[in-house]
PDB file of N, CA and C in Angstrom:
ATOM      1  N   UNK A   1       0.845  -1.166   0.000  1.00  0.00           N
ATOM      2  CA  UNK A   1       0.000   0.000   0.000  1.00  0.00           C
ATOM      3  C   UNK A   1       0.897   1.236   0.000  1.00  0.00           C
ATOM      4  N   UNK A   2       0.478   2.244  -0.784  1.00  0.00           N
ATOM      5  CA  UNK A   2       1.228   3.485  -0.815  1.00  0.00           C
ATOM      6  C   UNK A   2       0.308   4.628  -1.195  1.00  0.00           C
ATOM      7  N   UNK A   3       0.743   5.836  -0.905  1.00  0.00           N
ATOM      8  CA  UNK A   3       0.011   7.032  -1.286  1.00  0.00           C
ATOM      9  C   UNK A   3       0.373   7.349  -2.730  1.00  0.00           C
ATOM     10  N   UNK A   4      -0.645   7.554  -3.558  1.00  0.00           N
ATOM     11  CA  UNK A   4      -0.405   7.765  -4.981  1.00  0.00           C
ATOM     12  C   UNK A   4      -0.628   9.198  -5.434  1.00  0.00           C
ATOM     13  N   UNK A   5      -1.493   9.941  -4.747  1.00  0.00           N
ATOM     14  CA  UNK A   5      -1.827  11.291  -5.199  1.00  0.00           C
ATOM     15  C   UNK A   5      -1.594  12.316  -4.096  1.00  0.00           C
ATOM     16  N   UNK A   6      -1.542  13.577  -4.488  1.00  0.00           N
ATOM     17  CA  UNK A   6      -1.383  14.665  -3.519  1.00  0.00           C
ATOM     18  C   UNK A   6      -2.609  14.743  -2.599  1.00  0.00           C
ATOM     19  N   UNK A   7      -3.778  14.458  -3.135  1.00  0.00           N
ATOM     20  CA  UNK A   7      -4.993  14.474  -2.324  1.00  0.00           C
ATOM     21  C   UNK A   7      -4.922  13.413  -1.228  1.00  0.00           C
ATOM     22  N   UNK A   8      -4.458  12.227  -1.582  1.00  0.00           N
ATOM     23  CA  UNK A   8      -4.294  11.170  -0.576  1.00  0.00           C
ATOM     24  C   UNK A   8      -3.262  11.592   0.471  1.00  0.00           C
ATOM     25  N   UNK A   9      -2.190  12.200   0.025  1.00  0.00           N
ATOM     26  CA  UNK A   9      -1.155  12.671   0.939  1.00  0.00           C
ATOM     27  C   UNK A   9      -1.727  13.705   1.904  1.00  0.00           C
ATOM     28  N   UNK A  10      -2.440  14.700   1.373  1.00  0.00           N
ATOM     29  CA  UNK A  10      -3.027  15.741   2.228  1.00  0.00           C
ATOM     30  C   UNK A  10      -3.982  15.134   3.251  1.00  0.00           C
ATOM     31  N   UNK A  11      -4.802  14.163   2.815  1.00  0.00           N
ATOM     32  CA  UNK A  11      -5.720  13.513   3.743  1.00  0.00           C
ATOM     33  C   UNK A  11      -4.933  12.780   4.832  1.00  0.00           C
ATOM     34  N   UNK A  12      -3.907  12.053   4.433  1.00  0.00           N
ATOM     35  CA  UNK A  12      -3.117  11.274   5.396  1.00  0.00           C
ATOM     36  C   UNK A  12      -2.420  12.190   6.399  1.00  0.00           C
ATOM     37  N   UNK A  13      -1.890  13.319   5.950  1.00  0.00           N
ATOM     38  CA  UNK A  13      -1.244  14.264   6.865  1.00  0.00           C
ATOM     39  C   UNK A  13      -2.259  14.797   7.866  1.00  0.00           C
ATOM     40  N   UNK A  14      -3.454  15.149   7.389  1.00  0.00           N
ATOM     41  CA  UNK A  14      -4.505  15.640   8.288  1.00  0.00           C
ATOM     42  C   UNK A  14      -4.897  14.564   9.295  1.00  0.00           C
ATOM     43  N   UNK A  15      -4.974  13.339   8.858  1.00  0.00           N
ATOM     44  CA  UNK A  15      -5.344  12.243   9.760  1.00  0.00           C
ATOM     45  C   UNK A  15      -4.246  11.994  10.792  1.00  0.00           C
ATOM     46  N   UNK A  16      -2.997  12.072  10.386  1.00  0.00           N
ATOM     47  CA  UNK A  16      -1.884  11.927  11.332  1.00  0.00           C
ATOM     48  C   UNK A  16      -1.988  12.999  12.408  1.00  0.00           C
ATOM     49  N   UNK A  17      -2.301  14.230  12.008  1.00  0.00           N
ATOM     50  CA  UNK A  17      -2.440  15.318  12.981  1.00  0.00           C
ATOM     51  C   UNK A  17      -3.589  15.060  13.953  1.00  0.00           C
ATOM     52  N   UNK A  18      -4.649  14.422  13.490  1.00  0.00           N
ATOM     53  CA  UNK A  18      -5.765  14.056  14.371  1.00  0.00           C
ATOM     54  C   UNK A  18      -5.362  12.959  15.351  1.00  0.00           C
ATOM     55  N   UNK A  19      -4.539  12.032  14.897  1.00  0.00           N
ATOM     56  CA  UNK A  19      -4.152  10.880  15.713  1.00  0.00           C
ATOM     57  C   UNK A  19      -3.070  11.205  16.742  1.00  0.00           C
ATOM     58  N   UNK A  20      -2.211  12.162  16.443  1.00  0.00           N
ATOM     59  CA  UNK A  20      -1.080  12.456  17.335  1.00  0.00           C
ATOM     60  C   UNK A  20      -1.495  12.706  18.789  1.00  0.00           C
ATOM     61  N   UNK A  21      -2.539  13.505  19.051  1.00  0.00           N
ATOM     62  CA  UNK A  21      -2.910  13.721  20.455  1.00  0.00           C
ATOM     63  C   UNK A  21      -3.489  12.469  21.141  1.00  0.00           C
ATOM     64  N   UNK A  22      -3.910  11.505  20.346  1.00  0.00           N
ATOM     65  CA  UNK A  22      -4.531  10.298  20.906  1.00  0.00           C
ATOM     66  C   UNK A  22      -3.524   9.210  21.265  1.00  0.00           C
ATOM     67  N   UNK A  23      -2.300   9.356  20.775  1.00  0.00           N
ATOM     68  CA  UNK A  23      -1.288   8.318  20.971  1.00  0.00           C
ATOM     69  C   UNK A  23      -0.104   8.920  21.721  1.00  0.00           C
ATOM     70  N   UNK A  24       0.225   8.298  22.836  1.00  0.00           N
ATOM     71  CA  UNK A  24       1.360   8.744  23.618  1.00  0.00           C
ATOM     72  C   UNK A  24       2.352   7.623  23.830  1.00  0.00           C
ATOM     73  N   UNK A  25       3.383   7.920  24.592  1.00  0.00           N
ATOM     74  CA  UNK A  25       4.406   6.913  24.867  1.00  0.00           C
ATOM     75  C   UNK A  25       3.848   5.698  25.602  1.00  0.00           C
ATOM     76  N   UNK A  26       2.792   5.909  26.356  1.00  0.00           N
ATOM     77  CA  UNK A  26       2.221   4.817  27.136  1.00  0.00           C
ATOM     78  C   UNK A  26       1.093   4.085  26.405  1.00  0.00           C
ATOM     79  N   UNK A  27       0.786   4.498  25.169  1.00  0.00           N
ATOM     80  CA  UNK A  27      -0.264   3.838  24.392  1.00  0.00           C
ATOM     81  C   UNK A  27       0.244   2.472  23.931  1.00  0.00           C
ATOM     82  N   UNK A  28      -0.549   1.421  24.158  1.00  0.00           N
ATOM     83  CA  UNK A  28      -0.122   0.088  23.706  1.00  0.00           C
ATOM     84  C   UNK A  28       0.050   0.045  22.179  1.00  0.00           C
ATOM     85  N   UNK A  29       1.003  -0.730  21.734  1.00  0.00           N
ATOM     86  CA  UNK A  29       1.268  -0.817  20.294  1.00  0.00           C
ATOM     87  C   UNK A  29       0.145  -1.507  19.528  1.00  0.00           C
ATOM     88  N   UNK A  30      -0.727  -2.209  20.241  1.00  0.00           N
ATOM     89  CA  UNK A  30      -1.847  -2.866  19.571  1.00  0.00           C
ATOM     90  C   UNK A  30      -3.117  -2.007  19.601  1.00  0.00           C
ATOM     91  N   UNK A  31      -3.037  -0.784  20.102  1.00  0.00           N
ATOM     92  CA  UNK A  31      -4.151   0.149  20.100  1.00  0.00           C
ATOM     93  C   UNK A  31      -4.454   0.552  18.660  1.00  0.00           C
ATOM     94  N   UNK A  32      -5.734   0.562  18.246  1.00  0.00           N
ATOM     95  CA  UNK A  32      -6.064   0.892  16.857  1.00  0.00           C
ATOM     96  C   UNK A  32      -5.525   2.253  16.401  1.00  0.00           C
ATOM     97  N   UNK A  33      -5.586   3.257  17.252  1.00  0.00           N
ATOM     98  CA  UNK A  33      -5.069   4.584  16.881  1.00  0.00           C
ATOM     99  C   UNK A  33      -3.552   4.539  16.686  1.00  0.00           C
ATOM    100  N   UNK A  34      -2.878   3.778  17.536  1.00  0.00           N
ATOM    101  CA  UNK A  34      -1.433   3.631  17.428  1.00  0.00           C
ATOM    102  C   UNK A  34      -1.046   2.925  16.126  1.00  0.00           C
ATOM    103  N   UNK A  35      -1.778   1.893  15.793  1.00  0.00           N
ATOM    104  CA  UNK A  35      -1.524   1.146  14.559  1.00  0.00           C
ATOM    105  C   UNK A  35      -1.758   2.037  13.342  1.00  0.00           C
ATOM    106  N   UNK A  36      -2.887   2.746  13.346  1.00  0.00           N
ATOM    107  CA  UNK A  36      -3.201   3.629  12.218  1.00  0.00           C
ATOM    108  C   UNK A  36      -2.155   4.737  12.086  1.00  0.00           C
ATOM    109  N   UNK A  37      -1.746   5.310  13.218  1.00  0.00           N
ATOM    110  CA  UNK A  37      -0.735   6.356  13.189  1.00  0.00           C
ATOM    111  C   UNK A  37       0.576   5.842  12.611  1.00  0.00           C
ATOM    112  N   UNK A  38       0.985   4.669  13.024  1.00  0.00           N
ATOM    113  CA  UNK A  38       2.237   4.078  12.514  1.00  0.00           C
ATOM    114  C   UNK A  38       2.180   3.866  11.004  1.00  0.00           C
ATOM    115  N   UNK A  39       1.088   3.308  10.528  1.00  0.00           N
ATOM    116  CA  UNK A  39       0.946   3.023   9.093  1.00  0.00           C
ATOM    117  C   UNK A  39       0.909   4.319   8.289  1.00  0.00           C
ATOM    118  N   UNK A  40       0.076   5.266   8.709  1.00  0.00           N
ATOM    119  CA  UNK A  40      -0.043   6.514   7.965  1.00  0.00           C
ATOM    120  C   UNK A  40       1.247   7.329   8.006  1.00  0.00           C
ATOM    121  N   UNK A  41       1.918   7.325   9.138  1.00  0.00           N
ATOM    122  CA  UNK A  41       3.188   8.056   9.245  1.00  0.00           C
ATOM    123  C   UNK A  41       4.215   7.515   8.255  1.00  0.00           C
ATOM    124  N   UNK A  42       4.288   6.212   8.140  1.00  0.00           N
ATOM    125  CA  UNK A  42       5.218   5.595   7.190  1.00  0.00           C
ATOM    126  C   UNK A  42       4.843   5.919   5.750  1.00  0.00           C
ATOM    127  N   UNK A  43       3.544   5.890   5.444  1.00  0.00           N
ATOM    128  CA  UNK A  43       3.098   6.215   4.084  1.00  0.00           C
ATOM    129  C   UNK A  43       3.385   7.676   3.743  1.00  0.00           C
ATOM    130  N   UNK A  44       3.127   8.574   4.698  1.00  0.00           N
ATOM    131  CA  UNK A  44       3.399   9.994   4.492  1.00  0.00           C
ATOM    132  C   UNK A  44       4.900  10.215   4.288  1.00  0.00           C
ATOM    133  N   UNK A  45       5.716   9.573   5.105  1.00  0.00           N
ATOM    134  CA  UNK A  45       7.170   9.724   4.979  1.00  0.00           C
ATOM    135  C   UNK A  45       7.657   9.227   3.627  1.00  0.00           C
ATOM    136  N   UNK A  46       7.160   8.101   3.176  1.00  0.00           N
ATOM    137  CA  UNK A  46       7.567   7.566   1.871  1.00  0.00           C
ATOM    138  C   UNK A  46       7.188   8.518   0.740  1.00  0.00           C
ATOM    139  N   UNK A  47       5.964   9.046   0.783  1.00  0.00           N
ATOM    140  CA  UNK A  47       5.518   9.987  -0.251  1.00  0.00           C
ATOM    141  C   UNK A  47       6.367  11.258  -0.217  1.00  0.00           C
ATOM    142  N   UNK A  48       6.640  11.760   0.974  1.00  0.00           N
ATOM    143  CA  UNK A  48       7.447  12.976   1.131  1.00  0.00           C
ATOM    144  C   UNK A  48       8.845  12.768   0.576  1.00  0.00           C
ATOM    145  N   UNK A  49       9.459  11.643   0.888  1.00  0.00           N
ATOM    146  CA  UNK A  49      10.801  11.354   0.385  1.00  0.00           C
ATOM    147  C   UNK A  49      10.827  11.327  -1.144  1.00  0.00           C
ATOM    148  N   UNK A  50       9.775  10.793  -1.733  1.00  0.00           N
ATOM    149  CA  UNK A  50       9.730  10.657  -3.185  1.00  0.00           C
ATOM    150  C   UNK A  50       9.412  11.971  -3.894  1.00  0.00           C
ATOM    151  N   UNK A  51       8.525  12.782  -3.302  1.00  0.00           N
ATOM    152  CA  UNK A  51       8.024  13.957  -4.012  1.00  0.00           C
ATOM    153  C   UNK A  51       8.550  15.300  -3.506  1.00  0.00           C
ATOM    154  N   UNK A  52       9.083  15.331  -2.306  1.00  0.00           N
ATOM    155  CA  UNK A  52       9.508  16.605  -1.737  1.00  0.00           C
ATOM    156  C   UNK A  52      10.961  16.599  -1.299  1.00  0.00           C
ATOM    157  N   UNK A  53      11.751  15.714  -1.840  1.00  0.00           N
ATOM    158  CA  UNK A  53      13.152  15.615  -1.442  1.00  0.00           C
ATOM    159  C   UNK A  53      13.887  16.910  -1.785  1.00  0.00           C
ATOM    160  N   UNK A  54      14.703  17.360  -0.883  1.00  0.00           N
ATOM    161  CA  UNK A  54      15.450  18.605  -1.072  1.00  0.00           C
ATOM    162  C   UNK A  54      16.712  18.350  -1.880  1.00  0.00           C
ATOM    163  N   UNK A  55      17.306  17.218  -1.721  1.00  0.00           N
ATOM    164  CA  UNK A  55      18.543  16.918  -2.434  1.00  0.00           C
ATOM    165  C   UNK A  55      19.754  17.265  -1.584  1.00  0.00           C
ATOM    166  N   UNK A  56      20.882  16.859  -2.071  1.00  0.00           N
ATOM    167  CA  UNK A  56      22.124  17.095  -1.343  1.00  0.00           C
ATOM    168  C   UNK A  56      22.583  18.536  -1.538  1.00  0.00           C
ATOM    169  N   UNK A  57      23.153  19.122  -0.499  1.00  0.00           N
ATOM    170  CA  UNK A  57      23.660  20.486  -0.645  1.00  0.00           C
ATOM    171  C   UNK A  57      24.929  20.507  -1.491  1.00  0.00           C
ATOM    172  N   UNK A  58      25.125  21.601  -2.220  1.00  0.00           N
ATOM    173  CA  UNK A  58      26.361  21.721  -2.978  1.00  0.00           C
ATOM    174  C   UNK A  58      27.358  22.528  -2.151  1.00  0.00           C
ATOM    175  N   UNK A  59      28.623  22.350  -2.450  1.00  0.00           N
ATOM    176  CA  UNK A  59      29.689  22.964  -1.666  1.00  0.00           C
ATOM    177  C   UNK A  59      29.568  24.485  -1.641  1.00  0.00           C
ATOM    178  N   UNK A  60      29.289  25.092  -2.778  1.00  0.00           N
ATOM    179  CA  UNK A  60      29.224  26.557  -2.841  1.00  0.00           C
ATOM    180  C   UNK A  60      28.160  27.105  -1.891  1.00  0.00           C
ATOM    181  N   UNK A  61      26.976  26.502  -1.876  1.00  0.00           N
ATOM    182  CA  UNK A  61      25.919  27.017  -1.002  1.00  0.00           C
ATOM    183  C   UNK A  61      26.256  26.797   0.470  1.00  0.00           C
ATOM    184  N   UNK A  62      26.927  25.698   0.788  1.00  0.00           N
ATOM    185  CA  UNK A  62      27.308  25.445   2.183  1.00  0.00           C
ATOM    186  C   UNK A  62      28.408  26.418   2.608  1.00  0.00           C
ATOM    187  N   UNK A  63      29.367  26.690   1.730  1.00  0.00           N
ATOM    188  CA  UNK A  63      30.405  27.674   2.055  1.00  0.00           C
ATOM    189  C   UNK A  63      29.760  29.033   2.311  1.00  0.00           C
ATOM    190  N   UNK A  64      28.853  29.447   1.425  1.00  0.00           N
ATOM    191  CA  UNK A  64      28.172  30.736   1.609  1.00  0.00           C
ATOM    192  C   UNK A  64      27.448  30.786   2.950  1.00  0.00           C
ATOM    193  N   UNK A  65      26.739  29.719   3.268  1.00  0.00           N
ATOM    194  CA  UNK A  65      25.983  29.671   4.530  1.00  0.00           C
ATOM    195  C   UNK A  65      26.921  29.772   5.731  1.00  0.00           C
ATOM    196  N   UNK A  66      28.008  29.025   5.717  1.00  0.00           N
ATOM    197  CA  UNK A  66      28.956  29.058   6.841  1.00  0.00           C
ATOM    198  C   UNK A  66      29.664  30.405   6.938  1.00  0.00           C
ATOM    199  N   UNK A  67      29.973  31.005   5.790  1.00  0.00           N
ATOM    200  CA  UNK A  67      30.566  32.344   5.823  1.00  0.00           C
ATOM    201  C   UNK A  67      29.604  33.328   6.474  1.00  0.00           C
ATOM    202  N   UNK A  68      28.336  33.230   6.110  1.00  0.00           N
ATOM    203  CA  UNK A  68      27.313  34.098   6.700  1.00  0.00           C
ATOM    204  C   UNK A  68      27.216  33.866   8.206  1.00  0.00           C
ATOM    205  N   UNK A  69      27.138  32.593   8.608  1.00  0.00           N
ATOM    206  CA  UNK A  69      27.026  32.261  10.037  1.00  0.00           C
ATOM    207  C   UNK A  69      28.209  32.796  10.842  1.00  0.00           C
ATOM    208  N   UNK A  70      29.394  32.749  10.250  1.00  0.00           N
ATOM    209  CA  UNK A  70      30.597  33.185  10.961  1.00  0.00           C
ATOM    210  C   UNK A  70      30.955  34.647  10.686  1.00  0.00           C
ATOM    211  N   UNK A  71      30.158  35.314   9.854  1.00  0.00           N
ATOM    212  CA  UNK A  71      30.413  36.711   9.547  1.00  0.00           C
ATOM    213  C   UNK A  71      31.697  36.950   8.771  1.00  0.00           C
ATOM    214  N   UNK A  72      32.053  36.009   7.910  1.00  0.00           N
ATOM    215  CA  UNK A  72      33.299  36.101   7.154  1.00  0.00           C
ATOM    216  C   UNK A  72      33.067  36.671   5.759  1.00  0.00           C
ATOM    217  N   UNK A  73      33.978  37.510   5.324  1.00  0.00           N
ATOM    218  CA  UNK A  73      33.988  37.944   3.927  1.00  0.00           C
ATOM    219  C   UNK A  73      34.816  36.941   3.124  1.00  0.00           C
ATOM    220  N   UNK A  74      34.746  37.056   1.805  1.00  0.00           N
ATOM    221  CA  UNK A  74      35.576  36.190   0.963  1.00  0.00           C
ATOM    222  C   UNK A  74      37.052  36.421   1.264  1.00  0.00           C
ATOM    223  N   UNK A  75      37.413  37.666   1.476  1.00  0.00           N
ATOM    224  CA  UNK A  75      38.812  37.996   1.758  1.00  0.00           C
ATOM    225  C   UNK A  75      39.259  37.370   3.084  1.00  0.00           C
ATOM    226  N   UNK A  76      38.410  37.441   4.101  1.00  0.00           N
ATOM    227  CA  UNK A  76      38.763  36.859   5.403  1.00  0.00           C
ATOM    228  C   UNK A  76      38.878  35.345   5.313  1.00  0.00           C
ATOM    229  N   UNK A  77      37.936  34.714   4.612  1.00  0.00           N
ATOM    230  CA  UNK A  77      38.004  33.260   4.449  1.00  0.00           C
ATOM    231  C   UNK A  77      39.262  32.878   3.679  1.00  0.00           C
ATOM    232  N   UNK A  78      39.572  33.626   2.643  1.00  0.00           N
ATOM    233  CA  UNK A  78      40.771  33.336   1.853  1.00  0.00           C
ATOM    234  C   UNK A  78      42.009  33.346   2.736  1.00  0.00           C
ATOM    235  N   UNK A  79      42.111  34.342   3.603  1.00  0.00           N
ATOM    236  CA  UNK A  79      43.258  34.418   4.511  1.00  0.00           C
ATOM    237  C   UNK A  79      43.324  33.246   5.461  1.00  0.00           C
ATOM    238  N   UNK A  80      42.171  32.793   5.944  1.00  0.00           N
ATOM    239  CA  UNK A  80      42.141  31.685   6.907  1.00  0.00           C
ATOM    240  C   UNK A  80      42.533  30.351   6.282  1.00  0.00           C
ATOM    241  N   UNK A  81      42.203  30.170   4.987  1.00  0.00           N
ATOM    242  CA  UNK A  81      42.514  28.868   4.382  1.00  0.00           C
ATOM    243  C   UNK A  81      43.714  28.923   3.436  1.00  0.00           C
ATOM    244  N   UNK A  82      44.288  30.121   3.265  1.00  0.00           N
ATOM    245  CA  UNK A  82      45.519  30.220   2.493  1.00  0.00           C
ATOM    246  C   UNK A  82      45.357  30.229   0.990  1.00  0.00           C
ATOM    247  N   UNK A  83      44.297  30.859   0.508  1.00  0.00           N
ATOM    248  CA  UNK A  83      44.119  31.031  -0.938  1.00  0.00           C
ATOM    249  C   UNK A  83      43.804  32.496  -1.200  1.00  0.00           C
ATOM    250  N   UNK A  84      43.707  32.853  -2.465  1.00  0.00           N
ATOM    251  CA  UNK A  84      43.364  34.232  -2.816  1.00  0.00           C
ATOM    252  C   UNK A  84      41.849  34.423  -2.759  1.00  0.00           C
ATOM    253  N   UNK A  85      41.411  35.671  -2.562  1.00  0.00           N
ATOM    254  CA  UNK A  85      39.965  35.925  -2.605  1.00  0.00           C
ATOM    255  C   UNK A  85      39.337  35.526  -3.946  1.00  0.00           C
ATOM    256  N   UNK A  86      40.100  35.648  -5.031  1.00  0.00           N
ATOM    257  CA  UNK A  86      39.550  35.245  -6.337  1.00  0.00           C
ATOM    258  C   UNK A  86      39.328  33.727  -6.395  1.00  0.00           C
ATOM    259  N   UNK A  87      40.163  32.964  -5.688  1.00  0.00           N
ATOM    260  CA  UNK A  87      39.963  31.509  -5.654  1.00  0.00           C
ATOM    261  C   UNK A  87      38.675  31.181  -4.889  1.00  0.00           C
ATOM    262  N   UNK A  88      38.410  31.913  -3.805  1.00  0.00           N
ATOM    263  CA  UNK A  88      37.151  31.726  -3.068  1.00  0.00           C
ATOM    264  C   UNK A  88      35.979  32.014  -4.002  1.00  0.00           C
ATOM    265  N   UNK A  89      36.091  33.081  -4.776  1.00  0.00           N
ATOM    266  CA  UNK A  89      35.051  33.425  -5.742  1.00  0.00           C
ATOM    267  C   UNK A  89      34.827  32.293  -6.740  1.00  0.00           C
ATOM    268  N   UNK A  90      35.906  31.658  -7.172  1.00  0.00           N
ATOM    269  CA  UNK A  90      35.790  30.526  -8.105  1.00  0.00           C
ATOM    270  C   UNK A  90      35.100  29.337  -7.447  1.00  0.00           C
ATOM    271  N   UNK A  91      35.382  29.093  -6.166  1.00  0.00           N
ATOM    272  CA  UNK A  91      34.693  28.008  -5.452  1.00  0.00           C
ATOM    273  C   UNK A  91      33.203  28.318  -5.348  1.00  0.00           C
ATOM    274  N   UNK A  92      32.884  29.577  -5.035  1.00  0.00           N
ATOM    275  CA  UNK A  92      31.483  29.969  -4.849  1.00  0.00           C
ATOM    276  C   UNK A  92      30.696  29.974  -6.150  1.00  0.00           C
ATOM    277  N   UNK A  93      31.379  30.204  -7.268  1.00  0.00           N
ATOM    278  CA  UNK A  93      30.694  30.196  -8.563  1.00  0.00           C
ATOM    279  C   UNK A  93      30.654  28.801  -9.184  1.00  0.00           C
ATOM    280  N   UNK A  94      31.390  27.866  -8.591  1.00  0.00           N
ATOM    281  CA  UNK A  94      31.438  26.513  -9.133  1.00  0.00           C
ATOM    282  C   UNK A  94      32.440  26.342 -10.256  1.00  0.00           C
ATOM    283  N   UNK A  95      33.251  27.361 -10.521  1.00  0.00           N
ATOM    284  CA  UNK A  95      34.245  27.267 -11.593  1.00  0.00           C
ATOM    285  C   UNK A  95      35.421  26.380 -11.224  1.00  0.00           C
ATOM    286  N   UNK A  96      35.731  26.308  -9.941  1.00  0.00           N
ATOM    287  CA  UNK A  96      36.861  25.496  -9.470  1.00  0.00           C
ATOM    288  C   UNK A  96      36.429  24.656  -8.277  1.00  0.00           C
ATOM    289  N   UNK A  97      37.114  23.540  -8.111  1.00  0.00           N
ATOM    290  CA  UNK A  97      36.950  22.678  -6.944  1.00  0.00           C
ATOM    291  C   UNK A  97      38.210  22.809  -6.096  1.00  0.00           C
ATOM    292  N   UNK A  98      38.067  22.780  -4.773  1.00  0.00           N
ATOM    293  CA  UNK A  98      39.274  22.883  -3.941  1.00  0.00           C
ATOM    294  C   UNK A  98      40.133  21.624  -4.047  1.00  0.00           C
ATOM    295  N   UNK A  99      41.437  21.819  -3.943  1.00  0.00           N
ATOM    296  CA  UNK A  99      42.347  20.683  -3.868  1.00  0.00           C
ATOM    297  C   UNK A  99      42.141  20.001  -2.517  1.00  0.00           C
ATOM    298  N   UNK A 100      42.684  18.810  -2.360  1.00  0.00           N
ATOM    299  CA  UNK A 100      42.518  18.090  -1.105  1.00  0.00           C
ATOM    300  C   UNK A 100      43.082  18.860   0.091  1.00  0.00           C
ATOM    301  N   UNK A 101      44.283  19.433   0.005  1.00  0.00           N
ATOM    302  CA  UNK A 101      44.776  20.211   1.159  1.00  0.00           C
ATOM    303  C   UNK A 101      43.881  21.409   1.496  1.00  0.00           C
ATOM    304  N   UNK A 102      43.362  22.083   0.469  1.00  0.00           N
ATOM    305  CA  UNK A 102      42.472  23.228   0.707  1.00  0.00           C
ATOM    306  C   UNK A 102      41.130  22.727   1.254  1.00  0.00           C
ATOM    307  N   UNK A 103      40.673  21.599   0.758  1.00  0.00           N
ATOM    308  CA  UNK A 103      39.428  21.021   1.272  1.00  0.00           C
ATOM    309  C   UNK A 103      39.546  20.742   2.770  1.00  0.00           C
ATOM    310  N   UNK A 104      40.713  20.257   3.184  1.00  0.00           N
ATOM    311  CA  UNK A 104      40.931  20.013   4.618  1.00  0.00           C
ATOM    312  C   UNK A 104      40.853  21.313   5.401  1.00  0.00           C
ATOM    313  N   UNK A 105      41.440  22.380   4.851  1.00  0.00           N
ATOM    314  CA  UNK A 105      41.410  23.671   5.549  1.00  0.00           C
ATOM    315  C   UNK A 105      39.987  24.233   5.600  1.00  0.00           C
ATOM    316  N   UNK A 106      39.251  24.065   4.505  1.00  0.00           N
ATOM    317  CA  UNK A 106      37.849  24.504   4.498  1.00  0.00           C
ATOM    318  C   UNK A 106      37.084  23.766   5.586  1.00  0.00           C
ATOM    319  N   UNK A 107      37.317  22.469   5.684  1.00  0.00           N
ATOM    320  CA  UNK A 107      36.675  21.657   6.727  1.00  0.00           C
ATOM    321  C   UNK A 107      37.043  22.183   8.113  1.00  0.00           C
ATOM    322  N   UNK A 108      38.323  22.438   8.336  1.00  0.00           N
ATOM    323  CA  UNK A 108      38.785  22.896   9.648  1.00  0.00           C
ATOM    324  C   UNK A 108      38.229  24.269  10.009  1.00  0.00           C
ATOM    325  N   UNK A 109      38.185  25.171   9.045  1.00  0.00           N
ATOM    326  CA  UNK A 109      37.764  26.550   9.321  1.00  0.00           C
ATOM    327  C   UNK A 109      36.242  26.684   9.374  1.00  0.00           C
ATOM    328  N   UNK A 110      35.551  26.082   8.406  1.00  0.00           N
ATOM    329  CA  UNK A 110      34.109  26.256   8.309  1.00  0.00           C
ATOM    330  C   UNK A 110      33.307  25.101   8.908  1.00  0.00           C
ATOM    331  N   UNK A 111      33.988  24.021   9.281  1.00  0.00           N
ATOM    332  CA  UNK A 111      33.334  22.854   9.878  1.00  0.00           C
ATOM    333  C   UNK A 111      32.261  22.275   8.948  1.00  0.00           C
ATOM    334  N   UNK A 112      32.633  22.148   7.680  1.00  0.00           N
ATOM    335  CA  UNK A 112      31.752  21.555   6.680  1.00  0.00           C
ATOM    336  C   UNK A 112      32.073  20.073   6.607  1.00  0.00           C
ATOM    337  N   UNK A 113      31.037  19.266   6.555  1.00  0.00           N
ATOM    338  CA  UNK A 113      31.197  17.820   6.453  1.00  0.00           C
ATOM    339  C   UNK A 113      32.087  17.461   5.265  1.00  0.00           C
ATOM    340  N   UNK A 114      33.011  16.556   5.490  1.00  0.00           N
ATOM    341  CA  UNK A 114      33.956  16.156   4.435  1.00  0.00           C
ATOM    342  C   UNK A 114      33.241  15.599   3.214  1.00  0.00           C
ATOM    343  N   UNK A 115      32.139  14.904   3.408  1.00  0.00           N
ATOM    344  CA  UNK A 115      31.387  14.364   2.287  1.00  0.00           C
ATOM    345  C   UNK A 115      30.863  15.442   1.356  1.00  0.00           C
ATOM    346  N   UNK A 116      30.449  16.570   1.918  1.00  0.00           N
ATOM    347  CA  UNK A 116      29.976  17.679   1.091  1.00  0.00           C
ATOM    348  C   UNK A 116      31.157  18.284   0.334  1.00  0.00           C
ATOM    349  N   UNK A 117      32.262  18.473   1.008  1.00  0.00           N
ATOM    350  CA  UNK A 117      33.445  19.055   0.361  1.00  0.00           C
ATOM    351  C   UNK A 117      33.929  18.173  -0.784  1.00  0.00           C
ATOM    352  N   UNK A 118      33.890  16.871  -0.591  1.00  0.00           N
ATOM    353  CA  UNK A 118      34.371  15.943  -1.615  1.00  0.00           C
ATOM    354  C   UNK A 118      33.301  15.592  -2.635  1.00  0.00           C
ATOM    355  N   UNK A 119      32.081  16.093  -2.427  1.00  0.00           N
ATOM    356  CA  UNK A 119      30.991  15.843  -3.366  1.00  0.00           C
ATOM    357  C   UNK A 119      30.402  14.456  -3.295  1.00  0.00           C
ATOM    358  N   UNK A 120      30.489  13.834  -2.122  1.00  0.00           N
ATOM    359  CA  UNK A 120      29.940  12.484  -1.972  1.00  0.00           C
ATOM    360  C   UNK A 120      28.829  12.435  -0.937  1.00  0.00           C
ATOM    361  N   UNK A 121      28.384  13.583  -0.451  1.00  0.00           N
ATOM    362  CA  UNK A 121      27.314  13.612   0.574  1.00  0.00           C
ATOM    363  C   UNK A 121      25.966  13.489  -0.059  1.00  0.00           C
TER     364      UNK A 121
END
């Protein structure tokens, strides 16, 4: 069994919201509301994964986000990782990929997951 249409998905989400207050940690697993909630939650999650997936982040957007969070300019980041500001611009535009040593420095300075830096996340 699976959700096939957006209408079915919307109905299932509304039903999950109705069931949530009825099921708690102490509700037996054989309770009808608990069973229905479990089934519908799984169906909603499967539909969401298939139709609303965000996808993996790209390195440029993660670098931009971390620079923003840390209040860094391109020039400041360049100084911290030992490249020129124009090289940072190339990373942000997707024109260049960092070398492995620079990728390590980006990881150390911006705390970006290595999988994202290497493009395998």
